[in-house]
Amino acid sequence: MGRTADQRGRQLLQQAIARGETGPYIVQAAIADLHLQQPRDWRQIAALYNTLTLQTGSPVVELNRAIAVAELDGPEAGLAVLDGLDLVRYRYFHSAAPTSCAAPATRRSPRGIPARSRTSPRRRGNGDP
């Protein structure tokens, strides 16, 4: 019986790592592989996002790291990472920040997000402006 795509991908990733490849595509593949495993190793995922941030300088990667940190160390730790990001204009920042990093009873917003942005977006067409 043939291998699944996940198994083949994991094999290719392991071969690349064995050759000493450590570029951003390898790191992204390693993160994706860890997301497929249960239970997720949030410590390793957060560490790889940190590596990817150093490689790319991308604040969007930092946003993803913040979510991994929140899963690992709790909502306040994730929000602390978000507080340092200038992504207020990034379309997914507003939805990821409050929902992924905090339970409803303990939600607080990262600095720079207006109160309306912290709520669920309203759907148009149901009488709402």
N, C-alpha and C. Protein backbone atom coordinates (compact mmCIF):
# COMPACT_ATOMS: atom_id res chain seq x y z
N MET A 1 0.85 -1.18 0.00
CA MET A 1 0.00 0.00 0.00
C MET A 1 0.89 1.24 0.00
N GLY A 2 0.50 2.25 -0.75
CA GLY A 2 1.28 3.48 -0.87
C GLY A 2 1.19 4.34 0.37
N ARG A 3 2.15 5.22 0.48
CA ARG A 3 2.17 6.15 1.61
C ARG A 3 1.20 7.30 1.36
N THR A 4 0.76 7.88 2.46
CA THR A 4 -0.12 9.05 2.34
C THR A 4 0.73 10.27 2.00
N ALA A 5 0.08 11.32 1.58
CA ALA A 5 0.79 12.57 1.28
C ALA A 5 1.49 13.09 2.53
N ASP A 6 0.85 12.95 3.70
CA ASP A 6 1.48 13.39 4.95
C ASP A 6 2.78 12.63 5.21
N GLN A 7 2.74 11.32 5.00
CA GLN A 7 3.93 10.50 5.23
C GLN A 7 5.04 10.86 4.25
N ARG A 8 4.68 11.06 3.00
CA ARG A 8 5.67 11.44 1.98
C ARG A 8 6.25 12.81 2.29
N GLY A 9 5.40 13.74 2.67
CA GLY A 9 5.89 15.07 3.04
C GLY A 9 6.82 15.02 4.24
N ARG A 10 6.47 14.23 5.24
CA ARG A 10 7.33 14.09 6.43
C ARG A 10 8.68 13.49 6.05
N GLN A 11 8.66 12.51 5.15
CA GLN A 11 9.92 11.89 4.70
C GLN A 11 10.79 12.93 3.98
N LEU A 12 10.21 13.71 3.10
CA LEU A 12 10.97 14.74 2.38
C LEU A 12 11.51 15.79 3.34
N LEU A 13 10.72 16.15 4.34
CA LEU A 13 11.17 17.11 5.34
C LEU A 13 12.36 16.54 6.11
N GLN A 14 12.27 15.30 6.54
CA GLN A 14 13.38 14.67 7.27
C GLN A 14 14.64 14.58 6.42
N GLN A 15 14.50 14.31 5.14
CA GLN A 15 15.65 14.27 4.24
C GLN A 15 16.30 15.65 4.12
N ALA A 16 15.48 16.68 4.00
CA ALA A 16 16.01 18.05 3.89
C ALA A 16 16.75 18.44 5.17
N ILE A 17 16.17 18.11 6.32
CA ILE A 17 16.82 18.43 7.59
C ILE A 17 18.13 17.66 7.72
N ALA A 18 18.14 16.38 7.30
CA ALA A 18 19.36 15.57 7.36
C ALA A 18 20.47 16.16 6.49
N ARG A 19 20.09 16.85 5.41
CA ARG A 19 21.08 17.50 4.54
C ARG A 19 21.54 18.85 5.12
N GLY A 20 20.96 19.24 6.23
CA GLY A 20 21.35 20.49 6.87
C GLY A 20 20.60 21.71 6.35
N GLU A 21 19.53 21.49 5.60
CA GLU A 21 18.76 22.62 5.09
C GLU A 21 17.95 23.23 6.23
N THR A 22 18.01 24.55 6.35
CA THR A 22 17.34 25.23 7.45
C THR A 22 16.64 26.51 7.02
N GLY A 23 16.41 26.68 5.73
CA GLY A 23 15.79 27.90 5.23
C GLY A 23 14.33 28.03 5.63
N PRO A 24 13.73 29.15 5.27
CA PRO A 24 12.35 29.40 5.69
C PRO A 24 11.33 28.38 5.18
N TYR A 25 11.53 27.81 4.01
CA TYR A 25 10.58 26.81 3.52
C TYR A 25 10.65 25.53 4.35
N ILE A 26 11.84 25.17 4.79
CA ILE A 26 12.01 23.99 5.64
C ILE A 26 11.34 24.24 6.99
N VAL A 27 11.55 25.44 7.54
CA VAL A 27 10.95 25.77 8.83
C VAL A 27 9.42 25.77 8.70
N GLN A 28 8.90 26.34 7.63
CA GLN A 28 7.45 26.33 7.42
C GLN A 28 6.92 24.91 7.30
N ALA A 29 7.65 24.06 6.61
CA ALA A 29 7.23 22.66 6.47
C ALA A 29 7.24 21.95 7.82
N ALA A 30 8.24 22.26 8.65
CA ALA A 30 8.32 21.65 9.98
C ALA A 30 7.15 22.11 10.85
N ILE A 31 6.79 23.38 10.74
CA ILE A 31 5.64 23.90 11.50
C ILE A 31 4.37 23.19 11.04
N ALA A 32 4.19 23.08 9.74
CA ALA A 32 3.00 22.41 9.21
C ALA A 32 2.93 20.97 9.68
N ASP A 33 4.07 20.29 9.69
CA ASP A 33 4.12 18.91 10.14
C ASP A 33 3.72 18.81 11.61
N LEU A 34 4.21 19.73 12.43
CA LEU A 34 3.86 19.71 13.85
C LEU A 34 2.37 19.97 14.07
N HIS A 35 1.77 20.78 13.22
CA HIS A 35 0.33 21.03 13.35
C HIS A 35 -0.49 19.79 13.03
N LEU A 36 0.07 18.86 12.27
CA LEU A 36 -0.64 17.62 11.93
C LEU A 36 -0.60 16.59 13.06
N GLN A 37 0.34 16.75 13.96
CA GLN A 37 0.53 15.76 15.02
C GLN A 37 -0.36 16.08 16.22
N GLN A 38 -0.86 15.05 16.85
CA GLN A 38 -1.69 15.21 18.05
C GLN A 38 -1.06 14.43 19.20
N PRO A 39 -0.90 15.00 20.36
CA PRO A 39 -1.19 16.40 20.66
C PRO A 39 -0.12 17.30 20.04
N ARG A 40 -0.50 18.53 19.80
CA ARG A 40 0.45 19.48 19.20
C ARG A 40 1.53 19.85 20.21
N ASP A 41 2.74 19.96 19.72
CA ASP A 41 3.88 20.38 20.54
C ASP A 41 4.01 21.90 20.41
N TRP A 42 3.23 22.63 21.21
CA TRP A 42 3.20 24.09 21.09
C TRP A 42 4.54 24.72 21.39
N ARG A 43 5.34 24.11 22.27
CA ARG A 43 6.66 24.66 22.57
C ARG A 43 7.53 24.64 21.31
N GLN A 44 7.52 23.53 20.61
CA GLN A 44 8.31 23.40 19.39
C GLN A 44 7.75 24.31 18.28
N ILE A 45 6.44 24.39 18.19
CA ILE A 45 5.82 25.26 17.18
C ILE A 45 6.21 26.71 17.44
N ALA A 46 6.11 27.15 18.69
CA ALA A 46 6.49 28.54 19.03
C ALA A 46 7.96 28.78 18.73
N ALA A 47 8.82 27.81 19.04
CA ALA A 47 10.25 27.96 18.77
C ALA A 47 10.53 28.07 17.26
N LEU A 48 9.82 27.26 16.48
CA LEU A 48 10.01 27.33 15.02
C LEU A 48 9.49 28.64 14.45
N TYR A 49 8.37 29.14 14.98
CA TYR A 49 7.89 30.45 14.53
C TYR A 49 8.91 31.53 14.89
N ASN A 50 9.57 31.40 16.04
CA ASN A 50 10.62 32.35 16.40
C ASN A 50 11.76 32.29 15.40
N THR A 51 12.18 31.09 15.03
CA THR A 51 13.23 30.92 14.02
C THR A 51 12.80 31.55 12.70
N LEU A 52 11.55 31.30 12.30
CA LEU A 52 11.05 31.84 11.05
C LEU A 52 10.99 33.37 11.09
N THR A 53 10.64 33.93 12.23
CA THR A 53 10.64 35.39 12.38
C THR A 53 12.04 35.94 12.19
N LEU A 54 13.02 35.29 12.77
CA LEU A 54 14.41 35.74 12.61
C LEU A 54 14.85 35.65 11.15
N GLN A 55 14.38 34.63 10.44
CA GLN A 55 14.75 34.46 9.04
C GLN A 55 14.06 35.46 8.12
N THR A 56 12.80 35.77 8.42
CA THR A 56 12.00 36.56 7.48
C THR A 56 11.74 37.99 7.93
N GLY A 57 11.77 38.22 9.23
CA GLY A 57 11.43 39.55 9.76
C GLY A 57 9.95 39.88 9.61
N SER A 58 9.13 38.89 9.39
CA SER A 58 7.71 39.11 9.12
C SER A 58 6.89 39.26 10.40
N PRO A 59 6.18 40.39 10.53
CA PRO A 59 5.29 40.52 11.69
C PRO A 59 4.11 39.56 11.63
N VAL A 60 3.75 39.09 10.45
CA VAL A 60 2.67 38.11 10.33
C VAL A 60 3.11 36.78 10.94
N VAL A 61 4.36 36.43 10.76
CA VAL A 61 4.89 35.22 11.41
C VAL A 61 4.84 35.40 12.92
N GLU A 62 5.15 36.59 13.40
CA GLU A 62 5.06 36.88 14.84
C GLU A 62 3.63 36.73 15.34
N LEU A 63 2.66 37.11 14.53
CA LEU A 63 1.26 36.92 14.89
C LEU A 63 0.98 35.44 15.11
N ASN A 64 1.48 34.61 14.22
CA ASN A 64 1.31 33.16 14.38
C ASN A 64 2.04 32.65 15.62
N ARG A 65 3.21 33.20 15.88
CA ARG A 65 3.96 32.81 17.09
C ARG A 65 3.17 33.18 18.34
N ALA A 66 2.51 34.35 18.30
CA ALA A 66 1.72 34.79 19.46
C ALA A 66 0.63 33.77 19.79
N ILE A 67 0.02 33.22 18.76
CA ILE A 67 -1.03 32.22 18.99
C ILE A 67 -0.43 30.96 19.61
N ALA A 68 0.72 30.54 19.11
CA ALA A 68 1.39 29.37 19.69
C ALA A 68 1.80 29.64 21.14
N VAL A 69 2.30 30.83 21.41
CA VAL A 69 2.68 31.20 22.78
C VAL A 69 1.46 31.19 23.69
N ALA A 70 0.33 31.69 23.19
CA ALA A 70 -0.91 31.68 23.98
C ALA A 70 -1.35 30.25 24.30
N GLU A 71 -1.21 29.37 23.33
CA GLU A 71 -1.56 27.97 23.57
C GLU A 71 -0.64 27.35 24.62
N LEU A 72 0.60 27.77 24.62
CA LEU A 72 1.61 27.21 25.52
C LEU A 72 1.57 27.84 26.91
N ASP A 73 1.58 29.17 26.97
CA ASP A 73 1.75 29.87 28.24
C ASP A 73 0.53 30.67 28.69
N GLY A 74 -0.54 30.63 27.92
CA GLY A 74 -1.76 31.32 28.32
C GLY A 74 -1.99 32.60 27.55
N PRO A 75 -3.21 33.12 27.65
CA PRO A 75 -3.63 34.27 26.86
C PRO A 75 -2.78 35.52 27.05
N GLU A 76 -2.43 35.83 28.28
CA GLU A 76 -1.66 37.05 28.53
C GLU A 76 -0.29 37.00 27.86
N ALA A 77 0.33 35.83 27.83
CA ALA A 77 1.63 35.69 27.18
C ALA A 77 1.49 35.91 25.67
N GLY A 78 0.44 35.38 25.09
CA GLY A 78 0.19 35.60 23.66
C GLY A 78 -0.09 37.06 23.36
N LEU A 79 -0.89 37.69 24.20
CA LEU A 79 -1.20 39.10 24.00
C LEU A 79 0.03 39.99 24.17
N ALA A 80 0.95 39.58 25.03
CA ALA A 80 2.19 40.35 25.20
C ALA A 80 2.99 40.36 23.90
N VAL A 81 2.99 39.25 23.18
CA VAL A 81 3.66 39.21 21.87
C VAL A 81 2.93 40.13 20.89
N LEU A 82 1.61 40.07 20.89
CA LEU A 82 0.83 40.91 19.99
C LEU A 82 1.02 42.39 20.26
N ASP A 83 1.21 42.75 21.53
CA ASP A 83 1.37 44.16 21.89
C ASP A 83 2.56 44.80 21.18
N GLY A 84 3.54 44.01 20.83
CA GLY A 84 4.73 44.55 20.18
C GLY A 84 4.62 44.64 18.66
N LEU A 85 3.49 44.25 18.10
CA LEU A 85 3.36 44.20 16.65
C LEU A 85 2.61 45.42 16.11
N ASP A 86 3.02 45.87 14.95
CA ASP A 86 2.34 46.95 14.28
C ASP A 86 1.54 46.36 13.11
N LEU A 87 0.46 45.68 13.46
CA LEU A 87 -0.34 45.01 12.44
C LEU A 87 -1.80 45.44 12.49
N VAL A 88 -2.07 46.60 13.05
CA VAL A 88 -3.45 47.04 13.19
C VAL A 88 -4.16 47.07 11.84
N ARG A 89 -3.45 47.33 10.77
CA ARG A 89 -4.07 47.38 9.43
C ARG A 89 -4.10 46.02 8.73
N TYR A 90 -3.47 45.02 9.32
CA TYR A 90 -3.48 43.67 8.74
C TYR A 90 -4.86 43.05 8.99
N ARG A 91 -5.53 42.65 7.95
CA ARG A 91 -6.94 42.25 8.03
C ARG A 91 -7.21 41.13 9.03
N TYR A 92 -6.30 40.24 9.26
CA TYR A 92 -6.56 39.11 10.15
C TYR A 92 -6.12 39.37 11.59
N PHE A 93 -5.41 40.44 11.82
CA PHE A 93 -4.94 40.77 13.17
C PHE A 93 -6.11 40.93 14.13
N HIS A 94 -7.13 41.62 13.70
CA HIS A 94 -8.26 41.92 14.57
C HIS A 94 -9.04 40.67 14.96
N SER A 95 -9.11 39.71 14.07
CA SER A 95 -9.84 38.49 14.40
C SER A 95 -8.98 37.52 15.19
N ALA A 96 -7.70 37.48 14.93
CA ALA A 96 -6.83 36.54 15.63
C ALA A 96 -6.54 37.00 17.05
N ALA A 97 -6.37 38.28 17.24
CA ALA A 97 -5.95 38.80 18.54
C ALA A 97 -6.89 38.41 19.67
N PRO A 98 -8.14 38.81 19.66
CA PRO A 98 -8.96 38.51 20.82
C PRO A 98 -9.45 37.09 20.88
N THR A 99 -9.70 36.44 19.76
CA THR A 99 -10.31 35.12 19.80
C THR A 99 -9.31 34.01 20.04
N SER A 100 -8.12 34.15 19.52
CA SER A 100 -7.16 33.05 19.64
C SER A 100 -6.35 33.11 20.92
N CYS A 101 -6.26 34.27 21.51
CA CYS A 101 -5.36 34.41 22.65
C CYS A 101 -6.05 34.49 24.00
N ALA A 102 -7.36 34.51 24.04
CA ALA A 102 -8.00 34.64 25.34
C ALA A 102 -9.36 33.97 25.35
N ALA A 103 -9.67 33.42 26.48
CA ALA A 103 -11.02 32.88 26.69
C ALA A 103 -11.97 34.05 26.83
N PRO A 104 -13.24 33.88 26.46
CA PRO A 104 -14.19 35.01 26.49
C PRO A 104 -14.23 35.76 27.81
N ALA A 105 -14.13 35.06 28.92
CA ALA A 105 -14.24 35.73 30.21
C ALA A 105 -13.02 36.57 30.55
N THR A 106 -11.89 36.31 29.90
CA THR A 106 -10.67 37.01 30.25
C THR A 106 -10.12 37.87 29.12
N ARG A 107 -10.90 38.10 28.08
CA ARG A 107 -10.41 38.82 26.91
C ARG A 107 -9.99 40.23 27.24
N ARG A 108 -8.88 40.58 26.72
CA ARG A 108 -8.44 41.96 26.66
C ARG A 108 -7.88 42.14 25.28
N SER A 109 -7.73 43.35 24.86
CA SER A 109 -7.30 43.62 23.51
C SER A 109 -5.84 44.02 23.49
N PRO A 110 -5.10 43.64 22.45
CA PRO A 110 -3.76 44.18 22.33
C PRO A 110 -3.84 45.69 22.13
N ARG A 111 -2.79 46.36 22.46
CA ARG A 111 -2.78 47.82 22.32
C ARG A 111 -3.05 48.18 20.87
N GLY A 112 -3.79 49.24 20.68
CA GLY A 112 -4.02 49.74 19.34
C GLY A 112 -5.25 49.21 18.64
N ILE A 113 -5.98 48.27 19.26
CA ILE A 113 -7.18 47.77 18.61
C ILE A 113 -8.37 48.47 19.23
N PRO A 114 -9.14 49.21 18.45
CA PRO A 114 -10.32 49.88 18.99
C PRO A 114 -11.37 48.89 19.48
N ALA A 115 -12.22 49.31 20.39
CA ALA A 115 -13.21 48.43 21.00
C ALA A 115 -14.08 47.74 19.96
N ARG A 116 -14.54 48.44 18.92
CA ARG A 116 -15.42 47.81 17.92
C ARG A 116 -14.71 46.67 17.20
N SER A 117 -13.40 46.77 17.04
CA SER A 117 -12.65 45.72 16.36
C SER A 117 -12.60 44.44 17.16
N ARG A 118 -12.84 44.54 18.46
CA ARG A 118 -12.74 43.36 19.30
C ARG A 118 -14.00 42.51 19.24
N THR A 119 -15.05 43.00 18.66
CA THR A 119 -16.28 42.24 18.59
C THR A 119 -16.35 41.46 17.29
N SER A 120 -17.24 40.52 17.25
CA SER A 120 -17.42 39.76 16.01
C SER A 120 -17.96 40.69 14.93
N PRO A 121 -17.49 40.52 13.71
CA PRO A 121 -17.99 41.38 12.62
C PRO A 121 -19.47 41.09 12.38
N ARG A 122 -20.20 42.14 12.06
CA ARG A 122 -21.62 41.97 11.75
C ARG A 122 -21.76 41.56 10.30
N ARG A 123 -22.72 40.73 10.06
CA ARG A 123 -23.01 40.32 8.69
C ARG A 123 -23.98 41.33 8.09
N ARG A 124 -23.69 41.73 6.89
CA ARG A 124 -24.59 42.65 6.19
C ARG A 124 -25.76 41.87 5.62
N GLY A 125 -26.85 42.59 5.38
CA GLY A 125 -28.00 41.96 4.75
C GLY A 125 -29.03 41.49 5.75
N ASN A 126 -28.75 41.63 7.05
CA ASN A 126 -29.75 41.22 8.03
C ASN A 126 -30.36 42.42 8.76
N GLY A 127 -30.35 43.57 8.08
CA GLY A 127 -30.92 44.78 8.66
C GLY A 127 -29.88 45.65 9.34
N ASP A 128 -28.66 45.16 9.52
CA ASP A 128 -27.59 45.96 10.12
C ASP A 128 -27.00 46.88 9.10
N PRO A 129 -26.58 48.07 9.53
CA PRO A 129 -25.94 49.01 8.59
C PRO A 129 -24.62 48.52 8.08
